[in-house]
Amino acid sequence: MYPPIEPYETGKLKVSNIHTLYYELSGNREGRPVVFLHGGPGGGCDPKDRSFFDPTKYKIVLFDQRGAGKSTPTASLEENTTWDLVKDVEKLRTHLSIEKWHVFGGSWGSTLALAYAQSHPDRVLSLVLRGIFTLRKSELNFFYQEGTSHLFPDAWDEYIAQIPEAERNDMVLAYHAQLNSEDSETRIRAAKAWSKWEMATSKLYVDPAHIARAAEDDWANAFARIENHYFVNDGWMRDGQLLEKQGIDKIRHIPCIVVQGRYDVVCPARTAYDLKKIWPEITLHVVPDAGHSSREPGIAKLLVQTFERWANIGGPL
């Protein structure tokens, strides 16, 4: 990845009567535009996310989605749906006077990238997707009910300890009740447990620093509440909607590279494989020694190399 850089511009964009988004621009003011769509939903951006791109070639756009990071109000669930976020991406593009841009998203960011591209295919130069997630019930069940639990039984025991035994048949719904409790201590305790489960399972080698982030009250509250809110509502999509032929046909012409960790237990390779089957034109890289995180060395290397190769897509600026 490239060395750390600072934004040359930051701003706030009011996208509804409730929500105002934080955004930032870094790299080359005249470079090829690329928008980074963070995970979660609710995870927010990290300064390290700027470092996937050559700052001499790219105009790098990062923003925090509704309720996440520096966007306000924090952890808000009102007017916060997949399709609100799709509209926000397009509002930001218009606000920045960008005609077309590269779209990069990992995990939930890949969900949003696919939803945005299928809604606005004429605005997308390329798609770079990592750790494919399409919010199907089978995907949620694997991670939050039965699947990853068999691989990380110690972390799973911590995760389910928050929930009464009688309610454990639907962990997403059970957590929903606690994450929306009127008691702030209950909410924060549930948010930390929910967040720790994902942080503990995101890398091939468990990273204590990654897990420590789940102990931060404000970050865990936004991450857990927003993520759970989307999942309990099925992302406001039909099951498997983003993998339907009618949607894929709208974006089939767009260059697309998918980078997937073989041992990703948060967003298993099954979904990336299913995307490849319905969209054979994509290039799918399966990294043999990686889990879910974009910071896995093999994943980060492929992402950086992809953007090095694709800097000239779209012709001269």
Protein backbone atom coordinates (compact mmCIF):
# COMPACT_ATOMS: atom_id res chain seq x y z
CA MET A 1 0.00 0.00 0.00
CA TYR A 2 1.06 3.60 -0.56
CA PRO A 3 2.43 5.81 2.26
CA PRO A 4 -0.11 7.75 4.39
CA ILE A 5 -1.45 10.99 2.93
CA GLU A 6 -3.71 13.76 4.19
CA PRO A 7 -6.81 15.08 2.39
CA TYR A 8 -6.52 18.31 0.46
CA GLU A 9 -10.22 18.98 1.03
CA THR A 10 -12.86 17.89 3.54
CA GLY A 11 -16.54 18.76 3.57
CA LYS A 12 -20.04 18.05 4.76
CA LEU A 13 -22.94 17.23 2.44
CA LYS A 14 -26.50 17.43 3.72
CA VAL A 15 -28.38 14.57 2.06
CA SER A 16 -31.68 14.71 3.97
CA ASN A 17 -33.40 16.67 6.72
CA ILE A 18 -31.73 14.29 9.17
CA HIS A 19 -28.38 13.21 7.72
CA THR A 20 -25.19 15.08 6.85
CA LEU A 21 -22.28 13.15 5.37
CA TYR A 22 -18.58 13.75 5.98
CA TYR A 23 -16.44 13.42 2.85
CA GLU A 24 -12.82 14.02 1.93
CA LEU A 25 -10.67 14.30 -1.18
CA SER A 26 -7.01 13.34 -1.39
CA GLY A 27 -4.40 12.53 -4.02
CA ASN A 28 -4.35 14.32 -7.38
CA ARG A 29 -6.99 17.03 -7.84
CA GLU A 30 -6.95 16.34 -11.59
CA GLY A 31 -6.60 12.57 -11.27
CA ARG A 32 -8.96 9.75 -12.19
CA PRO A 33 -11.82 9.80 -9.64
CA VAL A 34 -12.30 6.76 -7.40
CA VAL A 35 -14.85 6.43 -4.61
CA PHE A 36 -14.22 4.14 -1.64
CA LEU A 37 -17.31 2.51 -0.12
CA HIS A 38 -16.62 1.36 3.43
CA GLY A 39 -17.94 -1.74 5.13
CA GLY A 40 -20.36 -2.50 7.92
CA PRO A 41 -22.68 -0.85 7.19
CA GLY A 42 -21.74 1.53 9.97
CA GLY A 43 -17.99 0.94 9.91
CA GLY A 44 -16.88 4.35 8.65
CA CYS A 45 -13.68 5.13 6.77
CA ASP A 46 -10.12 4.87 8.05
CA PRO A 47 -7.22 7.11 6.95
CA LYS A 48 -5.43 3.96 5.75
CA ASP A 49 -8.16 3.52 3.12
CA ARG A 50 -6.54 6.34 1.12
CA SER A 51 -3.44 4.19 0.66
CA PHE A 52 -4.87 1.68 -1.82
CA PHE A 53 -4.46 4.26 -4.60
CA ASP A 54 -1.53 5.98 -6.29
CA PRO A 55 -1.98 9.59 -5.10
CA THR A 56 -0.27 10.93 -8.22
CA LYS A 57 -2.88 9.27 -10.48
CA TYR A 58 -6.14 9.22 -8.52
CA LYS A 59 -8.55 11.73 -7.08
CA ILE A 60 -9.47 9.71 -4.00
CA VAL A 61 -12.97 10.19 -2.57
CA LEU A 62 -13.78 8.80 0.86
CA PHE A 63 -17.01 9.40 2.77
CA ASP A 64 -18.75 8.09 5.86
CA GLN A 65 -22.17 6.61 5.15
CA ARG A 66 -25.27 7.65 7.10
CA GLY A 67 -24.74 7.39 10.85
CA ALA A 68 -21.12 6.20 10.52
CA GLY A 69 -17.75 7.78 11.27
CA LYS A 70 -17.84 11.58 11.17
CA SER A 71 -21.28 11.73 9.52
CA THR A 72 -24.14 12.97 11.69
CA PRO A 73 -26.23 12.08 13.57
CA THR A 74 -24.08 9.18 14.71
CA ALA A 75 -25.64 5.70 14.81
CA SER A 76 -28.96 7.05 13.49
CA LEU A 77 -31.27 4.42 11.99
CA GLU A 78 -33.85 6.86 10.62
CA GLU A 79 -33.90 7.20 6.83
CA ASN A 80 -31.01 4.75 6.71
CA THR A 81 -31.51 2.06 4.05
CA THR A 82 -29.55 0.59 1.17
CA TRP A 83 -31.42 2.75 -1.31
CA ASP A 84 -30.85 5.91 0.74
CA LEU A 85 -27.12 5.18 0.53
CA VAL A 86 -27.29 4.54 -3.22
CA LYS A 87 -28.88 7.98 -3.61
CA ASP A 88 -26.17 9.48 -1.38
CA VAL A 89 -23.37 8.11 -3.56
CA GLU A 90 -24.98 9.73 -6.57
CA LYS A 91 -25.57 13.02 -4.70
CA LEU A 92 -21.90 13.09 -3.73
CA ARG A 93 -20.79 12.44 -7.31
CA THR A 94 -22.98 15.31 -8.53
CA HIS A 95 -21.81 17.59 -5.71
CA LEU A 96 -18.17 16.97 -6.69
CA SER A 97 -18.91 17.50 -10.41
CA ILE A 98 -17.54 14.06 -11.30
CA GLU A 99 -18.91 12.55 -14.51
CA LYS A 100 -17.80 8.95 -13.93
CA TRP A 101 -15.67 7.22 -11.32
CA HIS A 102 -14.06 3.98 -10.32
CA VAL A 103 -16.05 2.31 -7.53
CA PHE A 104 -14.27 0.26 -4.87
CA GLY A 105 -16.09 -1.57 -2.09
CA GLY A 106 -15.33 -4.45 0.23
CA SER A 107 -17.66 -6.55 2.40
CA TRP A 108 -20.79 -4.40 2.85
CA GLY A 109 -19.04 -1.93 0.54
CA SER A 110 -19.27 -4.56 -2.22
CA THR A 111 -23.03 -4.80 -1.59
CA LEU A 112 -23.41 -1.05 -1.91
CA ALA A 113 -21.12 -0.96 -4.95
CA LEU A 114 -23.25 -3.55 -6.76
CA ALA A 115 -26.49 -1.79 -5.79
CA TYR A 116 -25.11 1.57 -6.93
CA ALA A 117 -23.71 0.21 -10.20
CA GLN A 118 -26.98 -1.54 -11.05
CA SER A 119 -28.84 1.73 -10.35
CA HIS A 120 -26.38 4.02 -12.16
CA PRO A 121 -24.31 1.89 -14.59
CA ASP A 122 -23.52 4.90 -16.77
CA ARG A 123 -21.57 6.52 -13.92
CA VAL A 124 -19.19 3.63 -13.19
CA LEU A 125 -15.80 3.30 -14.91
CA SER A 126 -14.92 0.06 -13.14
CA LEU A 127 -15.83 -2.05 -10.13
CA VAL A 128 -13.23 -3.39 -7.72
CA LEU A 129 -14.87 -5.61 -5.12
CA ARG A 130 -13.42 -7.41 -2.11
CA GLY A 131 -14.99 -10.01 0.17
CA ILE A 132 -18.28 -10.24 -1.73
CA PHE A 133 -21.42 -9.86 0.36
CA THR A 134 -24.94 -9.67 -1.09
CA LEU A 135 -26.96 -9.91 2.14
CA ARG A 136 -28.65 -13.19 1.30
CA LYS A 137 -30.20 -15.05 4.22
CA SER A 138 -27.75 -17.91 3.69
CA GLU A 139 -24.82 -15.51 4.10
CA LEU A 140 -26.20 -14.00 7.29
CA ASN A 141 -27.03 -17.42 8.71
CA PHE A 142 -23.50 -18.68 8.08
CA PHE A 143 -21.89 -15.87 10.03
CA TYR A 144 -24.47 -15.05 12.68
CA GLN A 145 -26.17 -18.38 13.31
CA GLU A 146 -24.29 -21.51 12.28
CA GLY A 147 -21.14 -21.76 10.22
CA THR A 148 -18.37 -19.52 11.48
CA SER A 149 -19.37 -20.65 14.97
CA HIS A 150 -17.77 -24.03 14.22
CA LEU A 151 -14.45 -22.39 13.32
CA PHE A 152 -14.26 -19.86 16.16
CA PRO A 153 -16.07 -21.60 19.04
CA ASP A 154 -14.30 -19.54 21.70
CA ALA A 155 -15.30 -16.21 20.16
CA TRP A 156 -18.78 -17.60 19.46
CA ASP A 157 -19.31 -18.40 23.13
CA GLU A 158 -18.56 -14.76 23.99
CA TYR A 159 -20.93 -13.59 21.28
CA ILE A 160 -23.90 -15.71 22.38
CA ALA A 161 -23.32 -15.08 26.11
CA GLN A 162 -25.03 -11.72 25.68
CA ILE A 163 -28.30 -13.41 24.60
CA PRO A 164 -30.62 -15.53 26.80
CA GLU A 165 -30.50 -19.17 25.72
CA ALA A 166 -34.20 -19.21 24.77
CA GLU A 167 -33.60 -16.42 22.19
CA ARG A 168 -30.53 -17.87 20.45
CA ASN A 169 -32.45 -19.43 17.57
CA ASP A 170 -32.30 -16.04 15.80
CA MET A 171 -29.22 -14.14 16.93
CA VAL A 172 -29.71 -11.17 14.59
CA LEU A 173 -33.22 -10.59 15.90
CA ALA A 174 -32.20 -11.15 19.53
CA TYR A 175 -29.38 -8.62 19.21
CA HIS A 176 -31.78 -6.20 17.52
CA ALA A 177 -33.81 -6.02 20.72
CA GLN A 178 -30.77 -5.27 22.88
CA LEU A 179 -29.15 -2.82 20.43
CA ASN A 180 -32.38 -0.81 20.50
CA SER A 181 -33.00 -1.10 24.23
CA GLU A 182 -34.01 2.03 26.15
CA ASP A 183 -31.21 1.21 28.60
CA SER A 184 -27.92 2.69 27.35
CA GLU A 185 -25.78 0.16 29.23
CA THR A 186 -27.62 -2.72 27.55
CA ARG A 187 -27.15 -1.10 24.14
CA ILE A 188 -23.42 -0.52 24.57
CA ARG A 189 -22.78 -3.96 26.04
CA ALA A 190 -24.59 -5.57 23.11
CA ALA A 191 -22.81 -3.33 20.59
CA LYS A 192 -19.39 -4.30 21.91
CA ALA A 193 -20.22 -8.02 21.85
CA TRP A 194 -21.66 -7.84 18.31
CA SER A 195 -18.65 -5.88 17.05
CA LYS A 196 -16.08 -8.09 18.79
CA TRP A 197 -17.48 -11.17 17.04
CA GLU A 198 -16.75 -9.66 13.62
CA MET A 199 -13.38 -8.21 14.61
CA ALA A 200 -12.27 -11.57 16.05
CA THR A 201 -13.07 -13.45 12.84
CA SER A 202 -11.99 -11.01 10.12
CA LYS A 203 -8.36 -12.02 9.69
CA LEU A 204 -6.59 -15.28 9.01
CA TYR A 205 -4.44 -14.56 12.06
CA VAL A 206 -6.44 -12.97 14.86
CA ASP A 207 -5.31 -9.37 15.34
CA PRO A 208 -5.57 -8.01 18.93
CA ALA A 209 -5.53 -4.42 17.65
CA HIS A 210 -8.50 -5.23 15.40
CA ILE A 211 -10.41 -6.71 18.33
CA ALA A 212 -9.59 -3.71 20.54
CA ARG A 213 -11.59 -1.43 18.26
CA ALA A 214 -14.77 -3.23 19.33
CA ALA A 215 -14.22 -1.87 22.86
CA GLU A 216 -14.63 1.74 21.69
CA ASP A 217 -18.14 2.79 22.75
CA ASP A 218 -18.97 5.23 19.95
CA TRP A 219 -17.53 3.14 17.13
CA ALA A 220 -19.10 -0.12 18.35
CA ASN A 221 -22.48 1.56 18.87
CA ALA A 222 -22.65 2.92 15.32
CA PHE A 223 -21.20 -0.22 13.73
CA ALA A 224 -23.42 -2.71 15.55
CA ARG A 225 -26.70 -0.76 15.51
CA ILE A 226 -26.53 0.17 11.82
CA GLU A 227 -25.25 -3.23 10.69
CA ASN A 228 -27.95 -5.08 12.63
CA HIS A 229 -30.62 -2.63 11.40
CA TYR A 230 -29.74 -3.50 7.80
CA PHE A 231 -29.60 -7.23 8.43
CA VAL A 232 -32.87 -7.52 10.33
CA ASN A 233 -34.53 -5.71 7.40
CA ASP A 234 -32.85 -7.90 4.73
CA GLY A 235 -31.21 -4.80 3.28
CA TRP A 236 -34.59 -3.77 1.83
CA MET A 237 -33.94 -6.18 -1.03
CA ARG A 238 -35.29 -9.46 -2.32
CA ASP A 239 -33.18 -12.41 -1.23
CA GLY A 240 -30.42 -12.66 -3.83
CA GLN A 241 -31.56 -9.53 -5.68
CA LEU A 242 -28.04 -8.33 -6.51
CA LEU A 243 -27.22 -11.67 -8.16
CA GLU A 244 -30.29 -11.73 -10.41
CA LYS A 245 -29.60 -11.78 -14.14
CA GLN A 246 -31.68 -8.67 -14.80
CA GLY A 247 -29.44 -6.66 -12.48
CA ILE A 248 -26.17 -8.17 -13.65
CA ASP A 249 -27.11 -7.52 -17.28
CA LYS A 250 -27.13 -3.79 -16.52
CA ILE A 251 -23.47 -3.87 -15.44
CA ARG A 252 -22.07 -6.72 -17.52
CA HIS A 253 -20.10 -4.27 -19.68
CA ILE A 254 -18.29 -2.70 -16.71
CA PRO A 255 -14.74 -3.98 -16.05
CA CYS A 256 -14.82 -5.78 -12.71
CA ILE A 257 -12.20 -7.46 -10.54
CA VAL A 258 -13.10 -9.38 -7.40
CA VAL A 259 -10.52 -10.14 -4.70
CA GLN A 260 -11.65 -12.82 -2.27
CA GLY A 261 -9.87 -14.43 0.68
CA ARG A 262 -10.08 -18.24 0.51
CA TYR A 263 -10.55 -18.43 4.28
CA ASP A 264 -12.93 -15.50 4.61
CA VAL A 265 -15.45 -16.68 7.23
CA VAL A 266 -17.32 -13.35 7.43
CA CYS A 267 -18.20 -13.26 3.72
CA PRO A 268 -17.31 -16.76 2.49
CA ALA A 269 -16.08 -17.43 -1.05
CA ARG A 270 -19.42 -19.03 -2.00
CA THR A 271 -20.89 -15.60 -2.80
CA ALA A 272 -17.93 -14.51 -4.93
CA TYR A 273 -18.22 -17.82 -6.80
CA ASP A 274 -21.97 -17.31 -7.30
CA LEU A 275 -21.26 -13.83 -8.69
CA LYS A 276 -18.70 -15.29 -11.10
CA LYS A 277 -21.25 -17.87 -12.31
CA ILE A 278 -23.88 -15.26 -13.17
CA TRP A 279 -21.25 -12.77 -14.41
CA PRO A 280 -18.46 -14.83 -16.02
CA GLU A 281 -16.88 -11.73 -17.56
CA ILE A 282 -15.45 -10.66 -14.17
CA THR A 283 -11.94 -11.52 -13.04
CA LEU A 284 -12.02 -13.41 -9.74
CA HIS A 285 -8.85 -13.65 -7.66
CA VAL A 286 -9.02 -16.04 -4.71
CA VAL A 287 -6.17 -15.30 -2.29
CA PRO A 288 -5.06 -18.65 -0.85
CA ASP A 289 -3.71 -17.36 2.48
CA ALA A 290 -6.22 -14.67 3.46
CA GLY A 291 -9.34 -14.14 5.49
CA HIS A 292 -11.80 -11.25 5.20
CA SER A 293 -9.88 -8.05 5.93
CA SER A 294 -8.68 -5.71 3.21
CA ARG A 295 -5.46 -5.43 5.25
CA GLU A 296 -4.53 -9.07 4.64
CA PRO A 297 -1.18 -8.80 2.77
CA GLY A 298 -2.25 -10.85 -0.26
CA ILE A 299 -5.54 -9.01 -0.60
CA ALA A 300 -4.01 -5.54 -0.19
CA LYS A 301 -1.34 -6.34 -2.78
CA LEU A 302 -3.88 -7.39 -5.41
CA LEU A 303 -6.08 -4.36 -4.75
CA VAL A 304 -3.15 -1.96 -5.15
CA GLN A 305 -2.00 -3.73 -8.34
CA THR A 306 -5.50 -3.54 -9.80
CA PHE A 307 -5.68 0.22 -9.34
CA GLU A 308 -2.19 0.61 -10.78
CA ARG A 309 -3.35 -1.16 -13.95
CA TRP A 310 -6.69 0.59 -14.19
CA ALA A 311 -5.59 4.19 -13.73
CA ASN A 312 -6.13 4.92 -17.43
CA ILE A 313 -9.56 3.32 -17.84
CA GLY A 314 -11.87 5.90 -19.37
CA GLY A 315 -9.28 7.42 -21.69
CA PRO A 316 -7.33 10.68 -21.27
CA LEU A 317 -8.50 13.08 -18.59
